[in-house]
Amino acid sequence: MAQGTVVDIAAVARIHVIQAGATRQVAFHCGKPSRLVVGSDASATLRLEQPEVAPRQFDVVWDGSQLWLQDSLRLGRTFVNGRTLNEWTPVVRQAMVCFGSMRLWMTSRSEPPRVPAPDFAALDRAALTDAHQNARLRLSDTSRIELSPELLRAFKEQDAL
């Protein structure tokens, strides 16, 4: 049976990282925009330390109502539901993101968007009003991602290894 960490937050969208028999989750809240980078680099917001993970594998934007994905380098190395991730792609209901042997399952309660890209103005407004975040989070613009204390401890323990 796989071990997992459950983040019990009433979220509109989630990312489930399935790695080495364990599951990590990131939750997004309605009206609280955020941005994160998935990759193996130390500066990645969601760091996945595997040989097949690029330093900046892909970007995730939650514009407050819709979860969006994009391979910023457009190298054809990331797939969403079997299709190459090149442009901004919304997650409608659920999506399986694959690269190398990694699998990320994403869920969203959002309806299909009427626009072809995220609402970047919402991200800018969130950054301006979020003065309480610390310097490290300010650099990566992830203050709107809420993780459970257990998950935060697991990340710290993993970084210490």
N, C-alpha and C. Protein backbone atom coordinates (compact mmCIF):
# COMPACT_ATOMS: atom_id res chain seq x y z
N MET A 1 0.84 -1.17 0.00
CA MET A 1 0.00 0.00 0.00
C MET A 1 0.89 1.24 0.00
N ALA A 2 0.53 2.21 -0.79
CA ALA A 2 1.33 3.44 -0.89
C ALA A 2 1.10 4.32 0.32
N GLN A 3 2.20 4.90 0.80
CA GLN A 3 2.08 5.85 1.89
C GLN A 3 1.77 7.20 1.26
N GLY A 4 1.09 8.03 2.00
CA GLY A 4 0.77 9.33 1.43
C GLY A 4 0.59 10.39 2.49
N THR A 5 0.68 11.61 2.07
CA THR A 5 0.41 12.75 2.92
C THR A 5 -0.82 13.42 2.34
N VAL A 6 -1.83 13.60 3.15
CA VAL A 6 -3.07 14.19 2.67
C VAL A 6 -3.16 15.61 3.20
N VAL A 7 -3.40 16.54 2.31
CA VAL A 7 -3.63 17.92 2.68
C VAL A 7 -5.14 18.11 2.67
N ASP A 8 -5.74 18.27 3.84
CA ASP A 8 -7.19 18.36 3.96
C ASP A 8 -7.62 19.82 3.88
N ILE A 9 -7.68 20.34 2.67
CA ILE A 9 -8.07 21.72 2.44
C ILE A 9 -9.19 21.70 1.41
N ALA A 10 -10.22 22.48 1.65
CA ALA A 10 -11.32 22.58 0.69
C ALA A 10 -10.83 23.38 -0.51
N ALA A 11 -10.19 22.72 -1.41
CA ALA A 11 -9.55 23.39 -2.55
C ALA A 11 -10.36 23.17 -3.82
N VAL A 12 -10.14 24.08 -4.77
CA VAL A 12 -10.79 23.99 -6.06
C VAL A 12 -9.94 23.20 -7.04
N ALA A 13 -8.62 23.20 -6.84
CA ALA A 13 -7.72 22.45 -7.71
C ALA A 13 -6.58 21.89 -6.86
N ARG A 14 -6.02 20.76 -7.31
CA ARG A 14 -4.93 20.10 -6.60
C ARG A 14 -3.95 19.48 -7.59
N ILE A 15 -2.72 19.38 -7.13
CA ILE A 15 -1.70 18.61 -7.83
C ILE A 15 -1.33 17.46 -6.91
N HIS A 16 -1.35 16.25 -7.42
CA HIS A 16 -0.97 15.06 -6.67
C HIS A 16 0.32 14.54 -7.29
N VAL A 17 1.40 14.54 -6.53
CA VAL A 17 2.68 14.03 -7.01
C VAL A 17 2.83 12.62 -6.48
N ILE A 18 2.94 11.66 -7.41
CA ILE A 18 3.08 10.26 -7.04
C ILE A 18 4.52 9.87 -7.33
N GLN A 19 5.28 9.60 -6.26
CA GLN A 19 6.71 9.36 -6.43
C GLN A 19 7.17 8.35 -5.39
N ALA A 20 7.78 7.27 -5.84
CA ALA A 20 8.37 6.26 -4.96
C ALA A 20 7.37 5.76 -3.92
N GLY A 21 6.14 5.53 -4.35
CA GLY A 21 5.14 4.97 -3.45
C GLY A 21 4.51 5.97 -2.50
N ALA A 22 4.92 7.22 -2.54
CA ALA A 22 4.34 8.25 -1.67
C ALA A 22 3.62 9.29 -2.52
N THR A 23 2.66 9.95 -1.92
CA THR A 23 1.90 10.98 -2.61
C THR A 23 2.04 12.29 -1.86
N ARG A 24 2.35 13.36 -2.59
CA ARG A 24 2.35 14.72 -2.04
C ARG A 24 1.28 15.49 -2.77
N GLN A 25 0.69 16.47 -2.11
CA GLN A 25 -0.36 17.26 -2.74
C GLN A 25 -0.10 18.74 -2.54
N VAL A 26 -0.51 19.52 -3.53
CA VAL A 26 -0.51 20.97 -3.45
C VAL A 26 -1.94 21.39 -3.76
N ALA A 27 -2.50 22.26 -2.93
CA ALA A 27 -3.89 22.69 -3.11
C ALA A 27 -3.96 24.16 -3.47
N PHE A 28 -4.94 24.52 -4.29
CA PHE A 28 -5.16 25.89 -4.72
C PHE A 28 -6.57 26.30 -4.31
N HIS A 29 -6.74 27.54 -3.86
CA HIS A 29 -8.02 28.04 -3.38
C HIS A 29 -8.63 29.02 -4.36
N CYS A 30 -9.95 29.01 -4.41
CA CYS A 30 -10.69 29.91 -5.28
C CYS A 30 -10.36 31.36 -4.92
N GLY A 31 -10.05 32.15 -5.94
CA GLY A 31 -9.77 33.55 -5.72
C GLY A 31 -8.40 33.88 -5.17
N LYS A 32 -7.53 32.90 -5.00
CA LYS A 32 -6.19 33.13 -4.46
C LYS A 32 -5.15 32.68 -5.49
N PRO A 33 -4.78 33.56 -6.42
CA PRO A 33 -3.85 33.21 -7.49
C PRO A 33 -2.46 32.82 -6.98
N SER A 34 -1.80 31.95 -7.73
CA SER A 34 -0.42 31.58 -7.41
C SER A 34 0.25 31.03 -8.66
N ARG A 35 1.55 30.95 -8.58
CA ARG A 35 2.35 30.44 -9.70
C ARG A 35 3.43 29.56 -9.11
N LEU A 36 3.76 28.48 -9.79
CA LEU A 36 4.87 27.65 -9.33
C LEU A 36 5.57 27.01 -10.51
N VAL A 37 6.80 26.63 -10.26
CA VAL A 37 7.63 25.96 -11.26
C VAL A 37 7.86 24.54 -10.78
N VAL A 38 7.65 23.57 -11.66
CA VAL A 38 7.93 22.17 -11.36
C VAL A 38 9.24 21.82 -12.04
N GLY A 39 10.19 21.30 -11.27
CA GLY A 39 11.48 20.94 -11.85
C GLY A 39 12.43 20.37 -10.82
N SER A 40 13.65 20.10 -11.25
CA SER A 40 14.65 19.51 -10.36
C SER A 40 15.61 20.53 -9.78
N ASP A 41 15.57 21.76 -10.27
CA ASP A 41 16.47 22.80 -9.80
C ASP A 41 16.13 23.21 -8.36
N ALA A 42 17.14 23.63 -7.62
CA ALA A 42 16.93 24.05 -6.24
C ALA A 42 15.96 25.22 -6.14
N SER A 43 15.83 26.02 -7.19
CA SER A 43 14.92 27.16 -7.17
C SER A 43 13.48 26.79 -7.56
N ALA A 44 13.24 25.55 -7.98
CA ALA A 44 11.89 25.13 -8.37
C ALA A 44 10.97 25.15 -7.15
N THR A 45 9.76 25.61 -7.35
CA THR A 45 8.80 25.66 -6.26
C THR A 45 8.38 24.26 -5.84
N LEU A 46 8.06 23.42 -6.80
CA LEU A 46 7.75 22.02 -6.55
C LEU A 46 8.93 21.22 -7.09
N ARG A 47 9.86 20.89 -6.21
CA ARG A 47 11.12 20.26 -6.60
C ARG A 47 10.98 18.74 -6.62
N LEU A 48 11.33 18.15 -7.75
CA LEU A 48 11.31 16.70 -7.94
C LEU A 48 12.71 16.27 -8.33
N GLU A 49 13.42 15.69 -7.41
CA GLU A 49 14.82 15.34 -7.65
C GLU A 49 14.93 13.94 -8.25
N GLN A 50 14.75 13.87 -9.55
CA GLN A 50 14.90 12.64 -10.30
C GLN A 50 15.74 12.95 -11.54
N PRO A 51 16.54 11.99 -12.02
CA PRO A 51 17.38 12.26 -13.18
C PRO A 51 16.61 12.68 -14.43
N GLU A 52 15.38 12.19 -14.60
CA GLU A 52 14.62 12.50 -15.81
C GLU A 52 13.85 13.82 -15.72
N VAL A 53 13.93 14.51 -14.59
CA VAL A 53 13.23 15.78 -14.42
C VAL A 53 14.18 16.92 -14.77
N ALA A 54 13.75 17.78 -15.69
CA ALA A 54 14.56 18.93 -16.11
C ALA A 54 14.59 19.97 -14.99
N PRO A 55 15.60 20.83 -14.99
CA PRO A 55 15.65 21.88 -13.97
C PRO A 55 14.36 22.71 -13.91
N ARG A 56 13.80 23.03 -15.06
CA ARG A 56 12.49 23.70 -15.14
C ARG A 56 11.64 22.89 -16.09
N GLN A 57 10.92 21.91 -15.55
CA GLN A 57 10.14 21.00 -16.38
C GLN A 57 8.93 21.70 -16.99
N PHE A 58 8.12 22.34 -16.15
CA PHE A 58 6.97 23.10 -16.65
C PHE A 58 6.48 24.07 -15.59
N ASP A 59 5.62 25.00 -16.01
CA ASP A 59 5.06 26.02 -15.13
C ASP A 59 3.60 25.70 -14.86
N VAL A 60 3.16 26.07 -13.66
CA VAL A 60 1.77 25.93 -13.26
C VAL A 60 1.30 27.31 -12.80
N VAL A 61 0.15 27.73 -13.30
CA VAL A 61 -0.45 28.99 -12.87
C VAL A 61 -1.88 28.71 -12.43
N TRP A 62 -2.20 29.13 -11.23
CA TRP A 62 -3.58 29.13 -10.73
C TRP A 62 -3.98 30.60 -10.73
N ASP A 63 -4.87 31.00 -11.63
CA ASP A 63 -5.23 32.42 -11.74
C ASP A 63 -6.38 32.80 -10.83
N GLY A 64 -6.70 31.92 -9.91
CA GLY A 64 -7.79 32.17 -8.96
C GLY A 64 -9.05 31.44 -9.31
N SER A 65 -9.15 30.98 -10.57
CA SER A 65 -10.33 30.23 -10.99
C SER A 65 -10.02 29.06 -11.92
N GLN A 66 -8.84 29.07 -12.53
CA GLN A 66 -8.49 28.03 -13.50
C GLN A 66 -7.03 27.62 -13.30
N LEU A 67 -6.75 26.32 -13.39
CA LEU A 67 -5.40 25.79 -13.31
C LEU A 67 -4.84 25.65 -14.73
N TRP A 68 -3.68 26.28 -14.97
CA TRP A 68 -3.06 26.29 -16.30
C TRP A 68 -1.67 25.69 -16.23
N LEU A 69 -1.26 25.02 -17.31
CA LEU A 69 0.06 24.40 -17.41
C LEU A 69 0.74 24.86 -18.69
N GLN A 70 2.09 24.98 -18.63
CA GLN A 70 2.84 25.30 -19.84
C GLN A 70 4.28 24.82 -19.68
N ASP A 71 4.81 24.20 -20.73
CA ASP A 71 6.23 23.88 -20.80
C ASP A 71 6.89 25.13 -21.34
N SER A 72 7.50 25.91 -20.47
CA SER A 72 8.02 27.22 -20.86
C SER A 72 9.09 27.14 -21.95
N LEU A 73 9.85 26.05 -21.99
CA LEU A 73 10.89 25.90 -23.01
C LEU A 73 10.37 25.25 -24.28
N ARG A 74 9.19 24.65 -24.23
CA ARG A 74 8.53 24.03 -25.38
C ARG A 74 9.44 23.04 -26.11
N LEU A 75 10.00 22.13 -25.33
CA LEU A 75 10.90 21.14 -25.91
C LEU A 75 10.22 19.80 -26.20
N GLY A 76 8.93 19.71 -25.95
CA GLY A 76 8.21 18.47 -26.22
C GLY A 76 8.53 17.35 -25.26
N ARG A 77 8.89 17.69 -24.04
CA ARG A 77 9.31 16.67 -23.07
C ARG A 77 8.26 16.42 -21.99
N THR A 78 7.16 17.20 -22.01
CA THR A 78 6.09 17.07 -21.02
C THR A 78 4.79 16.79 -21.76
N PHE A 79 4.02 15.84 -21.23
CA PHE A 79 2.76 15.43 -21.87
C PHE A 79 1.61 15.57 -20.89
N VAL A 80 0.48 16.10 -21.38
CA VAL A 80 -0.75 16.22 -20.61
C VAL A 80 -1.80 15.39 -21.30
N ASN A 81 -2.27 14.36 -20.61
CA ASN A 81 -3.26 13.44 -21.18
C ASN A 81 -2.80 12.91 -22.54
N GLY A 82 -1.50 12.62 -22.67
CA GLY A 82 -0.95 12.04 -23.88
C GLY A 82 -0.58 13.03 -24.97
N ARG A 83 -0.85 14.32 -24.77
CA ARG A 83 -0.55 15.34 -25.78
C ARG A 83 0.62 16.20 -25.30
N THR A 84 1.47 16.59 -26.24
CA THR A 84 2.62 17.42 -25.91
C THR A 84 2.16 18.76 -25.33
N LEU A 85 2.78 19.15 -24.23
CA LEU A 85 2.47 20.42 -23.58
C LEU A 85 3.37 21.49 -24.18
N ASN A 86 2.81 22.35 -25.03
CA ASN A 86 3.57 23.43 -25.65
C ASN A 86 2.99 24.80 -25.33
N GLU A 87 1.67 24.91 -25.32
CA GLU A 87 0.99 26.17 -25.07
C GLU A 87 0.34 26.12 -23.71
N TRP A 88 -0.21 27.24 -23.27
CA TRP A 88 -0.97 27.23 -22.04
C TRP A 88 -2.14 26.27 -22.20
N THR A 89 -2.22 25.31 -21.30
CA THR A 89 -3.25 24.28 -21.35
C THR A 89 -4.01 24.28 -20.03
N PRO A 90 -5.34 24.42 -20.06
CA PRO A 90 -6.10 24.40 -18.82
C PRO A 90 -6.34 22.97 -18.34
N VAL A 91 -6.42 22.81 -17.03
CA VAL A 91 -6.82 21.52 -16.47
C VAL A 91 -8.32 21.60 -16.23
N VAL A 92 -9.07 20.81 -16.99
CA VAL A 92 -10.51 20.76 -16.84
C VAL A 92 -10.86 19.40 -16.26
N ARG A 93 -11.38 19.40 -15.08
CA ARG A 93 -11.70 18.22 -14.28
C ARG A 93 -10.44 17.49 -13.81
N GLN A 94 -9.74 16.81 -14.71
CA GLN A 94 -8.51 16.12 -14.30
C GLN A 94 -7.56 15.98 -15.48
N ALA A 95 -6.28 15.82 -15.14
CA ALA A 95 -5.26 15.65 -16.17
C ALA A 95 -4.12 14.83 -15.59
N MET A 96 -3.50 14.02 -16.43
CA MET A 96 -2.31 13.28 -16.05
C MET A 96 -1.14 13.91 -16.79
N VAL A 97 -0.18 14.42 -16.02
CA VAL A 97 1.01 15.05 -16.59
C VAL A 97 2.15 14.06 -16.46
N CYS A 98 2.81 13.75 -17.59
CA CYS A 98 3.87 12.75 -17.62
C CYS A 98 5.14 13.34 -18.21
N PHE A 99 6.26 13.00 -17.61
CA PHE A 99 7.59 13.33 -18.14
C PHE A 99 8.54 12.31 -17.54
N GLY A 100 9.29 11.64 -18.41
CA GLY A 100 10.13 10.54 -17.94
C GLY A 100 9.26 9.51 -17.25
N SER A 101 9.66 9.07 -16.06
CA SER A 101 8.86 8.11 -15.30
C SER A 101 7.94 8.81 -14.30
N MET A 102 7.95 10.14 -14.28
CA MET A 102 7.14 10.90 -13.33
C MET A 102 5.70 11.01 -13.81
N ARG A 103 4.77 10.97 -12.84
CA ARG A 103 3.35 11.14 -13.11
C ARG A 103 2.79 12.10 -12.07
N LEU A 104 2.15 13.16 -12.54
CA LEU A 104 1.46 14.09 -11.67
C LEU A 104 0.00 14.09 -12.09
N TRP A 105 -0.86 13.88 -11.12
CA TRP A 105 -2.29 13.88 -11.39
C TRP A 105 -2.84 15.20 -10.91
N MET A 106 -3.54 15.91 -11.77
CA MET A 106 -4.08 17.22 -11.43
C MET A 106 -5.59 17.18 -11.54
N THR A 107 -6.23 17.81 -10.57
CA THR A 107 -7.68 17.89 -10.58
C THR A 107 -8.10 19.35 -10.45
N SER A 108 -9.24 19.68 -11.07
CA SER A 108 -9.76 21.03 -11.00
C SER A 108 -11.27 20.97 -11.13
N ARG A 109 -11.95 21.77 -10.35
CA ARG A 109 -13.40 21.85 -10.45
C ARG A 109 -13.84 22.94 -11.42
N SER A 110 -12.89 23.55 -12.09
CA SER A 110 -13.18 24.67 -13.01
C SER A 110 -13.87 24.19 -14.28
N GLU A 111 -14.68 25.07 -14.82
CA GLU A 111 -15.30 24.84 -16.11
C GLU A 111 -14.27 25.16 -17.20
N PRO A 112 -14.48 24.67 -18.43
CA PRO A 112 -13.54 25.02 -19.51
C PRO A 112 -13.44 26.54 -19.64
N PRO A 113 -12.22 27.06 -19.78
CA PRO A 113 -12.06 28.51 -19.85
C PRO A 113 -12.52 29.07 -21.19
N ARG A 114 -12.83 30.36 -21.18
CA ARG A 114 -13.23 31.05 -22.41
C ARG A 114 -12.08 31.83 -23.01
N VAL A 115 -10.93 31.79 -22.36
CA VAL A 115 -9.75 32.53 -22.82
C VAL A 115 -8.61 31.54 -23.04
N PRO A 116 -7.63 31.87 -23.88
CA PRO A 116 -6.55 30.93 -24.22
C PRO A 116 -5.36 30.93 -23.26
N ALA A 117 -5.39 31.77 -22.20
CA ALA A 117 -4.24 31.86 -21.30
C ALA A 117 -4.70 32.31 -19.92
N PRO A 118 -3.85 32.14 -18.91
CA PRO A 118 -4.22 32.54 -17.55
C PRO A 118 -4.46 34.05 -17.42
N ASP A 119 -5.13 34.41 -16.34
CA ASP A 119 -5.36 35.81 -16.01
C ASP A 119 -4.15 36.31 -15.24
N PHE A 120 -3.14 36.79 -15.97
CA PHE A 120 -1.90 37.25 -15.33
C PHE A 120 -2.12 38.49 -14.49
N ALA A 121 -3.12 39.30 -14.82
CA ALA A 121 -3.42 40.48 -14.01
C ALA A 121 -3.82 40.06 -12.60
N ALA A 122 -4.54 38.94 -12.46
CA ALA A 122 -4.91 38.44 -11.14
C ALA A 122 -3.67 38.05 -10.34
N LEU A 123 -2.69 37.45 -11.01
CA LEU A 123 -1.43 37.11 -10.33
C LEU A 123 -0.71 38.37 -9.86
N ASP A 124 -0.70 39.39 -10.69
CA ASP A 124 -0.06 40.66 -10.32
C ASP A 124 -0.76 41.30 -9.13
N ARG A 125 -2.10 41.29 -9.14
CA ARG A 125 -2.84 41.87 -8.00
C ARG A 125 -2.55 41.09 -6.73
N ALA A 126 -2.47 39.77 -6.82
CA ALA A 126 -2.19 38.95 -5.64
C ALA A 126 -0.80 39.26 -5.10
N ALA A 127 0.17 39.44 -5.98
CA ALA A 127 1.54 39.74 -5.55
C ALA A 127 1.60 41.09 -4.85
N LEU A 128 0.83 42.05 -5.31
CA LEU A 128 0.84 43.38 -4.71
C LEU A 128 0.20 43.40 -3.33
N THR A 129 -0.81 42.57 -3.11
CA THR A 129 -1.54 42.60 -1.84
C THR A 129 -1.00 41.61 -0.83
N ASP A 130 0.00 40.85 -1.17
CA ASP A 130 0.48 39.80 -0.28
C ASP A 130 1.81 40.20 0.37
N ALA A 131 1.79 41.26 1.15
CA ALA A 131 3.02 41.80 1.74
C ALA A 131 3.53 40.97 2.92
N HIS A 132 2.76 40.04 3.44
CA HIS A 132 3.18 39.28 4.62
C HIS A 132 4.07 38.08 4.32
N GLN A 133 4.29 37.76 3.05
CA GLN A 133 5.08 36.58 2.73
C GLN A 133 6.57 36.81 3.00
N ASN A 134 7.29 35.73 3.31
CA ASN A 134 8.72 35.89 3.60
C ASN A 134 9.53 35.99 2.30
N ALA A 135 10.80 36.32 2.42
CA ALA A 135 11.63 36.61 1.24
C ALA A 135 11.75 35.42 0.31
N ARG A 136 11.91 34.22 0.82
CA ARG A 136 12.06 33.05 -0.05
C ARG A 136 10.81 32.83 -0.87
N LEU A 137 9.64 32.92 -0.23
CA LEU A 137 8.40 32.74 -0.97
C LEU A 137 8.16 33.91 -1.92
N ARG A 138 8.58 35.09 -1.56
CA ARG A 138 8.40 36.24 -2.42
C ARG A 138 9.12 36.02 -3.75
N LEU A 139 10.30 35.41 -3.69
CA LEU A 139 11.07 35.17 -4.91
C LEU A 139 10.36 34.20 -5.84
N SER A 140 9.68 33.20 -5.29
CA SER A 140 9.06 32.20 -6.14
C SER A 140 7.56 32.41 -6.31
N ASP A 141 6.98 33.43 -5.66
CA ASP A 141 5.56 33.75 -5.78
C ASP A 141 4.67 32.57 -5.45
N THR A 142 4.91 31.92 -4.31
CA THR A 142 4.12 30.75 -3.94
C THR A 142 3.38 30.94 -2.63
N SER A 143 3.22 32.14 -2.19
CA SER A 143 2.60 32.35 -0.88
C SER A 143 1.17 31.87 -0.82
N ARG A 144 0.54 31.68 -1.94
CA ARG A 144 -0.86 31.26 -1.94
C ARG A 144 -1.03 29.75 -1.91
N ILE A 145 0.05 29.00 -1.88
CA ILE A 145 -0.04 27.55 -1.79
C ILE A 145 -0.01 27.18 -0.32
N GLU A 146 -1.02 26.47 0.14
CA GLU A 146 -1.07 26.11 1.55
C GLU A 146 -0.81 24.62 1.69
N LEU A 147 0.18 24.29 2.49
CA LEU A 147 0.54 22.91 2.74
C LEU A 147 0.33 22.59 4.20
N SER A 148 0.02 21.35 4.50
CA SER A 148 -0.17 20.95 5.89
C SER A 148 1.18 20.95 6.62
N PRO A 149 1.17 21.06 7.95
CA PRO A 149 2.43 21.00 8.71
C PRO A 149 3.18 19.70 8.47
N GLU A 150 2.45 18.59 8.30
CA GLU A 150 3.10 17.31 8.05
C GLU A 150 3.84 17.33 6.72
N LEU A 151 3.22 17.92 5.69
CA LEU A 151 3.86 17.98 4.38
C LEU A 151 5.07 18.91 4.40
N LEU A 152 4.95 20.03 5.12
CA LEU A 152 6.09 20.92 5.24
C LEU A 152 7.27 20.23 5.92
N ARG A 153 7.00 19.44 6.98
CA ARG A 153 8.07 18.68 7.65
C ARG A 153 8.68 17.68 6.69
N ALA A 154 7.85 17.01 5.88
CA ALA A 154 8.36 16.02 4.92
C ALA A 154 9.27 16.69 3.91
N PHE A 155 8.89 17.88 3.41
CA PHE A 155 9.75 18.60 2.46
C PHE A 155 11.08 18.98 3.10
N LYS A 156 11.03 19.47 4.36
CA LYS A 156 12.26 19.86 5.05
C LYS A 156 13.17 18.65 5.28
N GLU A 157 12.59 17.51 5.66
CA GLU A 157 13.37 16.30 5.86
C GLU A 157 14.01 15.83 4.55
N GLN A 158 13.25 15.93 3.47
CA GLN A 158 13.78 15.52 2.16
C GLN A 158 14.92 16.43 1.73
N ASP A 159 14.78 17.74 1.97
CA ASP A 159 15.84 18.68 1.62
C ASP A 159 17.10 18.45 2.45
N ALA A 160 16.94 17.94 3.67
CA ALA A 160 18.09 17.69 4.54
C ALA A 160 18.91 16.49 4.10
N LEU A 161 18.30 15.59 3.30
CA LEU A 161 19.00 14.37 2.86
C LEU A 161 20.05 14.66 1.84
